[in-house]
Amino acid sequence: MVERKNLTVEEWETLVGRQVRAARVASGLDQAQLASLANVSLATLSNLERGKGSNLKTLISVARALGRTDWLETLAPEVTVSPMQMLRAKRAAQAPVRVRPRRKQLA
């Protein structure tokens, strides 16, 4: 199996198209029904499923119509921790502890 990080743009288009088609079939929809639900043309949906080029708007519309917005959420996950907070915490953990010498008490 080819590592997905090494796929070309065309290979990614084909992979996404196959996933859209599989989700459509699993939902019991034909292309015309899904195209109507997504408010895209049949040709546009067909192109998306065949990996023949599409745009982000089409992908979002089709994912929403399929009830698969989870696909989109994985592209832009909600940030729960600030990158700056992470950096500060890392620096604090790595910082050496400073110990002040005690003054000698006079007898």
PDB file of N, CA and C in Angstrom:
ATOM      1  N   MET A   1       0.833  -1.183   0.000  1.00  0.00           N
ATOM      2  CA  MET A   1       0.000   0.000   0.000  1.00  0.00           C
ATOM      3  C   MET A   1       0.878   1.246   0.000  1.00  0.00           C
ATOM      4  N   VAL A   2       0.541   2.204  -0.824  1.00  0.00           N
ATOM      5  CA  VAL A   2       1.293   3.446  -0.929  1.00  0.00           C
ATOM      6  C   VAL A   2       0.950   4.337   0.259  1.00  0.00           C
ATOM      7  N   GLU A   3       1.978   4.947   0.832  1.00  0.00           N
ATOM      8  CA  GLU A   3       1.729   5.872   1.931  1.00  0.00           C
ATOM      9  C   GLU A   3       0.950   7.061   1.402  1.00  0.00           C
ATOM     10  N   ARG A   4      -0.089   7.433   2.099  1.00  0.00           N
ATOM     11  CA  ARG A   4      -0.955   8.514   1.626  1.00  0.00           C
ATOM     12  C   ARG A   4      -0.242   9.850   1.551  1.00  0.00           C
ATOM     13  N   LYS A   5       0.762  10.074   2.371  1.00  0.00           N
ATOM     14  CA  LYS A   5       1.444  11.370   2.335  1.00  0.00           C
ATOM     15  C   LYS A   5       2.229  11.547   1.040  1.00  0.00           C
ATOM     16  N   ASN A   6       2.462  10.461   0.322  1.00  0.00           N
ATOM     17  CA  ASN A   6       3.223  10.535  -0.924  1.00  0.00           C
ATOM     18  C   ASN A   6       2.340  10.549  -2.164  1.00  0.00           C
ATOM     19  N   LEU A   7       1.028  10.654  -2.006  1.00  0.00           N
ATOM     20  CA  LEU A   7       0.134  10.644  -3.151  1.00  0.00           C
ATOM     21  C   LEU A   7       0.218  11.953  -3.922  1.00  0.00           C
ATOM     22  N   THR A   8       0.025  11.854  -5.228  1.00  0.00           N
ATOM     23  CA  THR A   8      -0.040  13.054  -6.055  1.00  0.00           C
ATOM     24  C   THR A   8      -1.413  13.692  -5.887  1.00  0.00           C
ATOM     25  N   VAL A   9      -1.574  14.894  -6.388  1.00  0.00           N
ATOM     26  CA  VAL A   9      -2.870  15.567  -6.331  1.00  0.00           C
ATOM     27  C   VAL A   9      -3.924  14.735  -7.047  1.00  0.00           C
ATOM     28  N   GLU A  10      -3.566  14.195  -8.190  1.00  0.00           N
ATOM     29  CA  GLU A  10      -4.506  13.380  -8.963  1.00  0.00           C
ATOM     30  C   GLU A  10      -4.908  12.119  -8.202  1.00  0.00           C
ATOM     31  N   GLU A  11      -3.957  11.513  -7.508  1.00  0.00           N
ATOM     32  CA  GLU A  11      -4.271  10.325  -6.713  1.00  0.00           C
ATOM     33  C   GLU A  11      -5.194  10.675  -5.539  1.00  0.00           C
ATOM     34  N   TRP A  12      -4.980  11.845  -4.926  1.00  0.00           N
ATOM     35  CA  TRP A  12      -5.859  12.291  -3.852  1.00  0.00           C
ATOM     36  C   TRP A  12      -7.271  12.530  -4.391  1.00  0.00           C
ATOM     37  N   GLU A  13      -7.367  13.138  -5.570  1.00  0.00           N
ATOM     38  CA  GLU A  13      -8.686  13.376  -6.171  1.00  0.00           C
ATOM     39  C   GLU A  13      -9.418  12.056  -6.398  1.00  0.00           C
ATOM     40  N   THR A  14      -8.702  11.065  -6.888  1.00  0.00           N
ATOM     41  CA  THR A  14      -9.294   9.746  -7.118  1.00  0.00           C
ATOM     42  C   THR A  14      -9.737   9.121  -5.800  1.00  0.00           C
ATOM     43  N   LEU A  15      -8.897   9.196  -4.783  1.00  0.00           N
ATOM     44  CA  LEU A  15      -9.218   8.628  -3.475  1.00  0.00           C
ATOM     45  C   LEU A  15     -10.454   9.295  -2.870  1.00  0.00           C
ATOM     46  N   VAL A  16     -10.497  10.616  -2.891  1.00  0.00           N
ATOM     47  CA  VAL A  16     -11.654  11.335  -2.350  1.00  0.00           C
ATOM     48  C   VAL A  16     -12.900  10.987  -3.154  1.00  0.00           C
ATOM     49  N   GLY A  17     -12.779  10.922  -4.457  1.00  0.00           N
ATOM     50  CA  GLY A  17     -13.918  10.558  -5.303  1.00  0.00           C
ATOM     51  C   GLY A  17     -14.469   9.184  -4.963  1.00  0.00           C
ATOM     52  N   ARG A  18     -13.581   8.236  -4.730  1.00  0.00           N
ATOM     53  CA  ARG A  18     -14.013   6.883  -4.350  1.00  0.00           C
ATOM     54  C   ARG A  18     -14.739   6.895  -3.008  1.00  0.00           C
ATOM     55  N   GLN A  19     -14.241   7.698  -2.080  1.00  0.00           N
ATOM     56  CA  GLN A  19     -14.878   7.787  -0.767  1.00  0.00           C
ATOM     57  C   GLN A  19     -16.256   8.429  -0.863  1.00  0.00           C
ATOM     58  N   VAL A  20     -16.386   9.441  -1.702  1.00  0.00           N
ATOM     59  CA  VAL A  20     -17.689  10.075  -1.903  1.00  0.00           C
ATOM     60  C   VAL A  20     -18.659   9.068  -2.511  1.00  0.00           C
ATOM     61  N   ARG A  21     -18.203   8.349  -3.534  1.00  0.00           N
ATOM     62  CA  ARG A  21     -19.059   7.349  -4.178  1.00  0.00           C
ATOM     63  C   ARG A  21     -19.483   6.277  -3.174  1.00  0.00           C
ATOM     64  N   ALA A  22     -18.548   5.791  -2.374  1.00  0.00           N
ATOM     65  CA  ALA A  22     -18.859   4.751  -1.391  1.00  0.00           C
ATOM     66  C   ALA A  22     -19.879   5.259  -0.365  1.00  0.00           C
ATOM     67  N   ALA A  23     -19.740   6.503   0.065  1.00  0.00           N
ATOM     68  CA  ALA A  23     -20.682   7.073   1.031  1.00  0.00           C
ATOM     69  C   ALA A  23     -22.061   7.243   0.395  1.00  0.00           C
ATOM     70  N   ARG A  24     -22.085   7.638  -0.871  1.00  0.00           N
ATOM     71  CA  ARG A  24     -23.359   7.785  -1.576  1.00  0.00           C
ATOM     72  C   ARG A  24     -24.070   6.450  -1.685  1.00  0.00           C
ATOM     73  N   VAL A  25     -23.347   5.429  -2.112  1.00  0.00           N
ATOM     74  CA  VAL A  25     -23.927   4.091  -2.271  1.00  0.00           C
ATOM     75  C   VAL A  25     -24.406   3.565  -0.918  1.00  0.00           C
ATOM     76  N   ALA A  26     -23.594   3.764   0.127  1.00  0.00           N
ATOM     77  CA  ALA A  26     -23.980   3.311   1.469  1.00  0.00           C
ATOM     78  C   ALA A  26     -25.232   4.024   1.966  1.00  0.00           C
ATOM     79  N   SER A  27     -25.450   5.238   1.483  1.00  0.00           N
ATOM     80  CA  SER A  27     -26.639   5.998   1.864  1.00  0.00           C
ATOM     81  C   SER A  27     -27.856   5.625   1.032  1.00  0.00           C
ATOM     82  N   GLY A  28     -27.652   4.770   0.039  1.00  0.00           N
ATOM     83  CA  GLY A  28     -28.764   4.337  -0.807  1.00  0.00           C
ATOM     84  C   GLY A  28     -29.223   5.385  -1.800  1.00  0.00           C
ATOM     85  N   LEU A  29     -28.328   6.285  -2.167  1.00  0.00           N
ATOM     86  CA  LEU A  29     -28.667   7.349  -3.109  1.00  0.00           C
ATOM     87  C   LEU A  29     -28.051   7.084  -4.472  1.00  0.00           C
ATOM     88  N   ASP A  30     -28.755   7.488  -5.527  1.00  0.00           N
ATOM     89  CA  ASP A  30     -28.109   7.468  -6.834  1.00  0.00           C
ATOM     90  C   ASP A  30     -27.503   8.857  -7.061  1.00  0.00           C
ATOM     91  N   GLN A  31     -26.744   9.006  -8.127  1.00  0.00           N
ATOM     92  CA  GLN A  31     -26.054  10.272  -8.361  1.00  0.00           C
ATOM     93  C   GLN A  31     -27.030  11.433  -8.510  1.00  0.00           C
ATOM     94  N   ALA A  32     -28.134  11.214  -9.197  1.00  0.00           N
ATOM     95  CA  ALA A  32     -29.101  12.293  -9.411  1.00  0.00           C
ATOM     96  C   ALA A  32     -29.696  12.763  -8.082  1.00  0.00           C
ATOM     97  N   GLN A  33     -29.995  11.832  -7.194  1.00  0.00           N
ATOM     98  CA  GLN A  33     -30.552  12.204  -5.888  1.00  0.00           C
ATOM     99  C   GLN A  33     -29.554  13.007  -5.070  1.00  0.00           C
ATOM    100  N   LEU A  34     -28.302  12.535  -5.027  1.00  0.00           N
ATOM    101  CA  LEU A  34     -27.293  13.250  -4.251  1.00  0.00           C
ATOM    102  C   LEU A  34     -27.003  14.617  -4.858  1.00  0.00           C
ATOM    103  N   ALA A  35     -26.932  14.688  -6.171  1.00  0.00           N
ATOM    104  CA  ALA A  35     -26.689  15.974  -6.831  1.00  0.00           C
ATOM    105  C   ALA A  35     -27.785  16.967  -6.462  1.00  0.00           C
ATOM    106  N   SER A  36     -29.015  16.494  -6.434  1.00  0.00           N
ATOM    107  CA  SER A  36     -30.142  17.357  -6.065  1.00  0.00           C
ATOM    108  C   SER A  36     -30.039  17.802  -4.610  1.00  0.00           C
ATOM    109  N   LEU A  37     -29.753  16.863  -3.716  1.00  0.00           N
ATOM    110  CA  LEU A  37     -29.608  17.200  -2.292  1.00  0.00           C
ATOM    111  C   LEU A  37     -28.478  18.202  -2.051  1.00  0.00           C
ATOM    112  N   ALA A  38     -27.387  18.051  -2.808  1.00  0.00           N
ATOM    113  CA  ALA A  38     -26.217  18.912  -2.632  1.00  0.00           C
ATOM    114  C   ALA A  38     -26.330  20.207  -3.434  1.00  0.00           C
ATOM    115  N   ASN A  39     -27.374  20.297  -4.263  1.00  0.00           N
ATOM    116  CA  ASN A  39     -27.577  21.470  -5.118  1.00  0.00           C
ATOM    117  C   ASN A  39     -26.400  21.691  -6.073  1.00  0.00           C
ATOM    118  N   VAL A  40     -25.927  20.586  -6.656  1.00  0.00           N
ATOM    119  CA  VAL A  40     -24.896  20.641  -7.685  1.00  0.00           C
ATOM    120  C   VAL A  40     -25.416  19.882  -8.905  1.00  0.00           C
ATOM    121  N   SER A  41     -24.800  20.115 -10.040  1.00  0.00           N
ATOM    122  CA  SER A  41     -25.248  19.410 -11.236  1.00  0.00           C
ATOM    123  C   SER A  41     -24.800  17.951 -11.188  1.00  0.00           C
ATOM    124  N   LEU A  42     -25.493  17.132 -11.942  1.00  0.00           N
ATOM    125  CA  LEU A  42     -25.137  15.715 -12.033  1.00  0.00           C
ATOM    126  C   LEU A  42     -23.724  15.557 -12.588  1.00  0.00           C
ATOM    127  N   ALA A  43     -23.379  16.362 -13.586  1.00  0.00           N
ATOM    128  CA  ALA A  43     -22.030  16.301 -14.169  1.00  0.00           C
ATOM    129  C   ALA A  43     -20.963  16.666 -13.139  1.00  0.00           C
ATOM    130  N   THR A  44     -21.255  17.648 -12.303  1.00  0.00           N
ATOM    131  CA  THR A  44     -20.303  18.065 -11.271  1.00  0.00           C
ATOM    132  C   THR A  44     -20.071  16.948 -10.264  1.00  0.00           C
ATOM    133  N   LEU A  45     -21.164  16.304  -9.836  1.00  0.00           N
ATOM    134  CA  LEU A  45     -21.028  15.182  -8.904  1.00  0.00           C
ATOM    135  C   LEU A  45     -20.276  14.028  -9.552  1.00  0.00           C
ATOM    136  N   SER A  46     -20.589  13.742 -10.796  1.00  0.00           N
ATOM    137  CA  SER A  46     -19.906  12.668 -11.508  1.00  0.00           C
ATOM    138  C   SER A  46     -18.407  12.939 -11.597  1.00  0.00           C
ATOM    139  N   ASN A  47     -18.044  14.173 -11.899  1.00  0.00           N
ATOM    140  CA  ASN A  47     -16.625  14.540 -11.961  1.00  0.00           C
ATOM    141  C   ASN A  47     -15.948  14.357 -10.611  1.00  0.00           C
ATOM    142  N   LEU A  48     -16.626  14.761  -9.539  1.00  0.00           N
ATOM    143  CA  LEU A  48     -16.064  14.603  -8.196  1.00  0.00           C
ATOM    144  C   LEU A  48     -15.822  13.132  -7.895  1.00  0.00           C
ATOM    145  N   GLU A  49     -16.803  12.295  -8.176  1.00  0.00           N
ATOM    146  CA  GLU A  49     -16.668  10.869  -7.893  1.00  0.00           C
ATOM    147  C   GLU A  49     -15.597  10.196  -8.741  1.00  0.00           C
ATOM    148  N   ARG A  50     -15.364  10.704  -9.931  1.00  0.00           N
ATOM    149  CA  ARG A  50     -14.345  10.108 -10.803  1.00  0.00           C
ATOM    150  C   ARG A  50     -12.968  10.725 -10.595  1.00  0.00           C
ATOM    151  N   GLY A  51     -12.874  11.677  -9.668  1.00  0.00           N
ATOM    152  CA  GLY A  51     -11.584  12.313  -9.400  1.00  0.00           C
ATOM    153  C   GLY A  51     -11.113  13.160 -10.557  1.00  0.00           C
ATOM    154  N   LYS A  52     -12.045  13.735 -11.281  1.00  0.00           N
ATOM    155  CA  LYS A  52     -11.707  14.511 -12.474  1.00  0.00           C
ATOM    156  C   LYS A  52     -11.756  16.004 -12.230  1.00  0.00           C
ATOM    157  N   GLY A  53     -11.402  16.395 -11.056  1.00  0.00           N
ATOM    158  CA  GLY A  53     -11.358  17.817 -10.740  1.00  0.00           C
ATOM    159  C   GLY A  53     -12.678  18.293 -10.195  1.00  0.00           C
ATOM    160  N   SER A  54     -12.599  19.109  -9.198  1.00  0.00           N
ATOM    161  CA  SER A  54     -13.772  19.667  -8.560  1.00  0.00           C
ATOM    162  C   SER A  54     -13.294  20.873  -7.775  1.00  0.00           C
ATOM    163  N   ASN A  55     -14.204  21.479  -7.032  1.00  0.00           N
ATOM    164  CA  ASN A  55     -13.761  22.589  -6.198  1.00  0.00           C
ATOM    165  C   ASN A  55     -14.216  22.373  -4.764  1.00  0.00           C
ATOM    166  N   LEU A  56     -13.731  23.206  -3.896  1.00  0.00           N
ATOM    167  CA  LEU A  56     -14.008  23.056  -2.472  1.00  0.00           C
ATOM    168  C   LEU A  56     -15.493  23.223  -2.180  1.00  0.00           C
ATOM    169  N   LYS A  57     -16.133  24.156  -2.844  1.00  0.00           N
ATOM    170  CA  LYS A  57     -17.555  24.382  -2.626  1.00  0.00           C
ATOM    171  C   LYS A  57     -18.356  23.116  -2.926  1.00  0.00           C
ATOM    172  N   THR A  58     -18.021  22.445  -4.020  1.00  0.00           N
ATOM    173  CA  THR A  58     -18.710  21.203  -4.379  1.00  0.00           C
ATOM    174  C   THR A  58     -18.481  20.140  -3.320  1.00  0.00           C
ATOM    175  N   LEU A  59     -17.244  19.968  -2.897  1.00  0.00           N
ATOM    176  CA  LEU A  59     -16.929  18.970  -1.884  1.00  0.00           C
ATOM    177  C   LEU A  59     -17.697  19.235  -0.593  1.00  0.00           C
ATOM    178  N   ILE A  60     -17.747  20.492  -0.168  1.00  0.00           N
ATOM    179  CA  ILE A  60     -18.474  20.839   1.053  1.00  0.00           C
ATOM    180  C   ILE A  60     -19.967  20.559   0.885  1.00  0.00           C
ATOM    181  N   SER A  61     -20.530  20.949  -0.236  1.00  0.00           N
ATOM    182  CA  SER A  61     -21.960  20.726  -0.487  1.00  0.00           C
ATOM    183  C   SER A  61     -22.305  19.243  -0.469  1.00  0.00           C
ATOM    184  N   VAL A  62     -21.475  18.438  -1.115  1.00  0.00           N
ATOM    185  CA  VAL A  62     -21.722  16.999  -1.177  1.00  0.00           C
ATOM    186  C   VAL A  62     -21.524  16.354   0.193  1.00  0.00           C
ATOM    187  N   ALA A  63     -20.484  16.750   0.907  1.00  0.00           N
ATOM    188  CA  ALA A  63     -20.249  16.196   2.251  1.00  0.00           C
ATOM    189  C   ALA A  63     -21.421  16.524   3.172  1.00  0.00           C
ATOM    190  N   ARG A  64     -21.929  17.731   3.094  1.00  0.00           N
ATOM    191  CA  ARG A  64     -23.087  18.114   3.919  1.00  0.00           C
ATOM    192  C   ARG A  64     -24.310  17.289   3.544  1.00  0.00           C
ATOM    193  N   ALA A  65     -24.548  17.118   2.243  1.00  0.00           N
ATOM    194  CA  ALA A  65     -25.709  16.348   1.791  1.00  0.00           C
ATOM    195  C   ALA A  65     -25.617  14.893   2.233  1.00  0.00           C
ATOM    196  N   LEU A  66     -24.405  14.377   2.342  1.00  0.00           N
ATOM    197  CA  LEU A  66     -24.196  12.994   2.791  1.00  0.00           C
ATOM    198  C   LEU A  66     -24.183  12.864   4.315  1.00  0.00           C
ATOM    199  N   GLY A  67     -24.238  13.998   4.994  1.00  0.00           N
ATOM    200  CA  GLY A  67     -24.158  13.959   6.458  1.00  0.00           C
ATOM    201  C   GLY A  67     -22.760  13.618   6.933  1.00  0.00           C
ATOM    202  N   ARG A  68     -21.768  13.969   6.140  1.00  0.00           N
ATOM    203  CA  ARG A  68     -20.379  13.637   6.466  1.00  0.00           C
ATOM    204  C   ARG A  68     -19.532  14.884   6.710  1.00  0.00           C
ATOM    205  N   THR A  69     -20.058  15.818   7.477  1.00  0.00           N
ATOM    206  CA  THR A  69     -19.262  17.001   7.786  1.00  0.00           C
ATOM    207  C   THR A  69     -18.059  16.657   8.665  1.00  0.00           C
ATOM    208  N   ASP A  70     -18.059  15.442   9.233  1.00  0.00           N
ATOM    209  CA  ASP A  70     -16.895  15.001   9.995  1.00  0.00           C
ATOM    210  C   ASP A  70     -15.647  14.982   9.114  1.00  0.00           C
ATOM    211  N   TRP A  71     -15.832  14.722   7.808  1.00  0.00           N
ATOM    212  CA  TRP A  71     -14.690  14.778   6.885  1.00  0.00           C
ATOM    213  C   TRP A  71     -14.076  16.173   6.907  1.00  0.00           C
ATOM    214  N   LEU A  72     -14.933  17.174   6.898  1.00  0.00           N
ATOM    215  CA  LEU A  72     -14.463  18.560   6.848  1.00  0.00           C
ATOM    216  C   LEU A  72     -13.844  18.971   8.179  1.00  0.00           C
ATOM    217  N   GLU A  73     -14.419  18.486   9.265  1.00  0.00           N
ATOM    218  CA  GLU A  73     -13.907  18.841  10.586  1.00  0.00           C
ATOM    219  C   GLU A  73     -12.494  18.313  10.803  1.00  0.00           C
ATOM    220  N   THR A  74     -12.150  17.208  10.164  1.00  0.00           N
ATOM    221  CA  THR A  74     -10.792  16.688  10.313  1.00  0.00           C
ATOM    222  C   THR A  74      -9.779  17.534   9.551  1.00  0.00           C
ATOM    223  N   LEU A  75     -10.258  18.304   8.574  1.00  0.00           N
ATOM    224  CA  LEU A  75      -9.361  19.192   7.837  1.00  0.00           C
ATOM    225  C   LEU A  75      -9.003  20.427   8.652  1.00  0.00           C
ATOM    226  N   ALA A  76      -9.942  20.871   9.468  1.00  0.00           N
ATOM    227  CA  ALA A  76      -9.737  22.075  10.275  1.00  0.00           C
ATOM    228  C   ALA A  76     -10.237  21.822  11.692  1.00  0.00           C
ATOM    229  N   PRO A  77      -9.492  21.027  12.454  1.00  0.00           N
ATOM    230  CA  PRO A  77      -9.957  20.716  13.809  1.00  0.00           C
ATOM    231  C   PRO A  77      -9.993  21.962  14.685  1.00  0.00           C
ATOM    232  N   GLU A  78     -10.908  21.956  15.636  1.00  0.00           N
ATOM    233  CA  GLU A  78     -11.020  23.063  16.568  1.00  0.00           C
ATOM    234  C   GLU A  78      -9.777  23.105  17.442  1.00  0.00           C
ATOM    235  N   VAL A  79      -9.237  24.288  17.602  1.00  0.00           N
ATOM    236  CA  VAL A  79      -8.046  24.459  18.430  1.00  0.00           C
ATOM    237  C   VAL A  79      -8.479  24.486  19.885  1.00  0.00           C
ATOM    238  N   THR A  80      -7.933  23.577  20.668  1.00  0.00           N
ATOM    239  CA  THR A  80      -8.300  23.508  22.082  1.00  0.00           C
ATOM    240  C   THR A  80      -7.200  24.049  22.982  1.00  0.00           C
ATOM    241  N   VAL A  81      -5.986  24.074  22.498  1.00  0.00           N
ATOM    242  CA  VAL A  81      -4.866  24.599  23.263  1.00  0.00           C
ATOM    243  C   VAL A  81      -4.120  25.585  22.378  1.00  0.00           C
ATOM    244  N   SER A  82      -3.842  26.721  22.921  1.00  0.00           N
ATOM    245  CA  SER A  82      -3.120  27.740  22.180  1.00  0.00           C
ATOM    246  C   SER A  82      -1.683  27.284  21.928  1.00  0.00           C
ATOM    247  N   PRO A  83      -1.192  27.435  20.710  1.00  0.00           N
ATOM    248  CA  PRO A  83       0.213  27.094  20.444  1.00  0.00           C
ATOM    249  C   PRO A  83       1.166  27.890  21.333  1.00  0.00           C
ATOM    250  N   MET A  84       0.802  29.122  21.666  1.00  0.00           N
ATOM    251  CA  MET A  84       1.659  29.934  22.533  1.00  0.00           C
ATOM    252  C   MET A  84       1.675  29.365  23.954  1.00  0.00           C
ATOM    253  N   GLN A  85       0.533  28.861  24.425  1.00  0.00           N
ATOM    254  CA  GLN A  85       0.494  28.237  25.744  1.00  0.00           C
ATOM    255  C   GLN A  85       1.385  27.000  25.770  1.00  0.00           C
ATOM    256  N   MET A  86       1.357  26.232  24.697  1.00  0.00           N
ATOM    257  CA  MET A  86       2.193  25.036  24.620  1.00  0.00           C
ATOM    258  C   MET A  86       3.671  25.415  24.653  1.00  0.00           C
ATOM    259  N   LEU A  87       4.043  26.454  23.912  1.00  0.00           N
ATOM    260  CA  LEU A  87       5.432  26.896  23.874  1.00  0.00           C
ATOM    261  C   LEU A  87       5.884  27.381  25.247  1.00  0.00           C
ATOM    262  N   ARG A  88       5.040  28.176  25.909  1.00  0.00           N
ATOM    263  CA  ARG A  88       5.394  28.677  27.246  1.00  0.00           C
ATOM    264  C   ARG A  88       5.560  27.534  28.242  1.00  0.00           C
ATOM    265  N   ALA A  89       4.662  26.559  28.168  1.00  0.00           N
ATOM    266  CA  ALA A  89       4.746  25.414  29.076  1.00  0.00           C
ATOM    267  C   ALA A  89       6.020  24.620  28.821  1.00  0.00           C
ATOM    268  N   LYS A  90       6.376  24.454  27.566  1.00  0.00           N
ATOM    269  CA  LYS A  90       7.593  23.712  27.219  1.00  0.00           C
ATOM    270  C   LYS A  90       8.824  24.448  27.740  1.00  0.00           C
ATOM    271  N   ARG A  91       8.850  25.758  27.527  1.00  0.00           N
ATOM    272  CA  ARG A  91       9.994  26.548  28.003  1.00  0.00           C
ATOM    273  C   ARG A  91      10.090  26.513  29.523  1.00  0.00           C
ATOM    274  N   ALA A  92       8.953  26.588  30.197  1.00  0.00           N
ATOM    275  CA  ALA A  92       8.951  26.559  31.661  1.00  0.00           C
ATOM    276  C   ALA A  92       9.473  25.218  32.170  1.00  0.00           C
ATOM    277  N   ALA A  93       9.131  24.150  31.477  1.00  0.00           N
ATOM    278  CA  ALA A  93       9.582  22.821  31.896  1.00  0.00           C
ATOM    279  C   ALA A  93      11.081  22.644  31.680  1.00  0.00           C
ATOM    280  N   GLN A  94      11.621  23.341  30.682  1.00  0.00           N
ATOM    281  CA  GLN A  94      13.037  23.201  30.363  1.00  0.00           C
ATOM    282  C   GLN A  94      13.919  24.190  31.115  1.00  0.00           C
ATOM    283  N   ALA A  95      13.321  25.220  31.687  1.00  0.00           N
ATOM    284  CA  ALA A  95      14.110  26.262  32.356  1.00  0.00           C
ATOM    285  C   ALA A  95      14.769  25.707  33.602  1.00  0.00           C
ATOM    286  N   PRO A  96      16.026  26.046  33.807  1.00  0.00           N
ATOM    287  CA  PRO A  96      16.712  25.572  35.011  1.00  0.00           C
ATOM    288  C   PRO A  96      16.122  26.272  36.243  1.00  0.00           C
ATOM    289  N   VAL A  97      16.113  25.555  37.338  1.00  0.00           N
ATOM    290  CA  VAL A  97      15.613  26.104  38.597  1.00  0.00           C
ATOM    291  C   VAL A  97      16.743  26.909  39.218  1.00  0.00           C
ATOM    292  N   ARG A  98      16.446  28.150  39.560  1.00  0.00           N
ATOM    293  CA  ARG A  98      17.459  29.013  40.168  1.00  0.00           C
ATOM    294  C   ARG A  98      17.341  28.935  41.693  1.00  0.00           C
ATOM    295  N   VAL A  99      18.453  28.620  42.323  1.00  0.00           N
ATOM    296  CA  VAL A  99      18.483  28.524  43.785  1.00  0.00           C
ATOM    297  C   VAL A  99      19.401  29.626  44.296  1.00  0.00           C
ATOM    298  N   ARG A 100      18.870  30.440  45.207  1.00  0.00           N
ATOM    299  CA  ARG A 100      19.685  31.511  45.772  1.00  0.00           C
ATOM    300  C   ARG A 100      20.476  30.972  46.954  1.00  0.00           C
ATOM    301  N   PRO A 101      21.722  31.349  47.021  1.00  0.00           N
ATOM    302  CA  PRO A 101      22.512  30.887  48.173  1.00  0.00           C
ATOM    303  C   PRO A 101      22.023  31.569  49.454  1.00  0.00           C
ATOM    304  N   ARG A 102      22.100  30.835  50.538  1.00  0.00           N
ATOM    305  CA  ARG A 102      21.684  31.394  51.826  1.00  0.00           C
ATOM    306  C   ARG A 102      22.785  32.253  52.398  1.00  0.00           C
ATOM    307  N   ARG A 103      22.352  33.286  53.077  1.00  0.00           N
ATOM    308  CA  ARG A 103      23.324  34.137  53.762  1.00  0.00           C
ATOM    309  C   ARG A 103      23.737  33.471  55.065  1.00  0.00           C
ATOM    310  N   LYS A 104      24.969  33.588  55.352  1.00  0.00           N
ATOM    311  CA  LYS A 104      25.453  33.046  56.632  1.00  0.00           C
ATOM    312  C   LYS A 104      24.998  33.964  57.752  1.00  0.00           C
ATOM    313  N   GLN A 105      24.521  33.361  58.795  1.00  0.00           N
ATOM    314  CA  GLN A 105      24.084  34.149  59.941  1.00  0.00           C
ATOM    315  C   GLN A 105      25.268  34.408  60.856  1.00  0.00           C
ATOM    316  N   LEU A 106      25.278  35.599  61.409  1.00  0.00           N
ATOM    317  CA  LEU A 106      26.331  35.980  62.343  1.00  0.00           C
ATOM    318  C   LEU A 106      26.081  35.317  63.692  1.00  0.00           C
ATOM    319  N   ALA A 107      27.132  34.851  64.342  1.00  0.00           N
ATOM    320  CA  ALA A 107      26.992  34.173  65.627  1.00  0.00           C
ATOM    321  C   ALA A 107      26.915  35.102  66.771  1.00  0.00           C
TER     322      ALA A 107
END
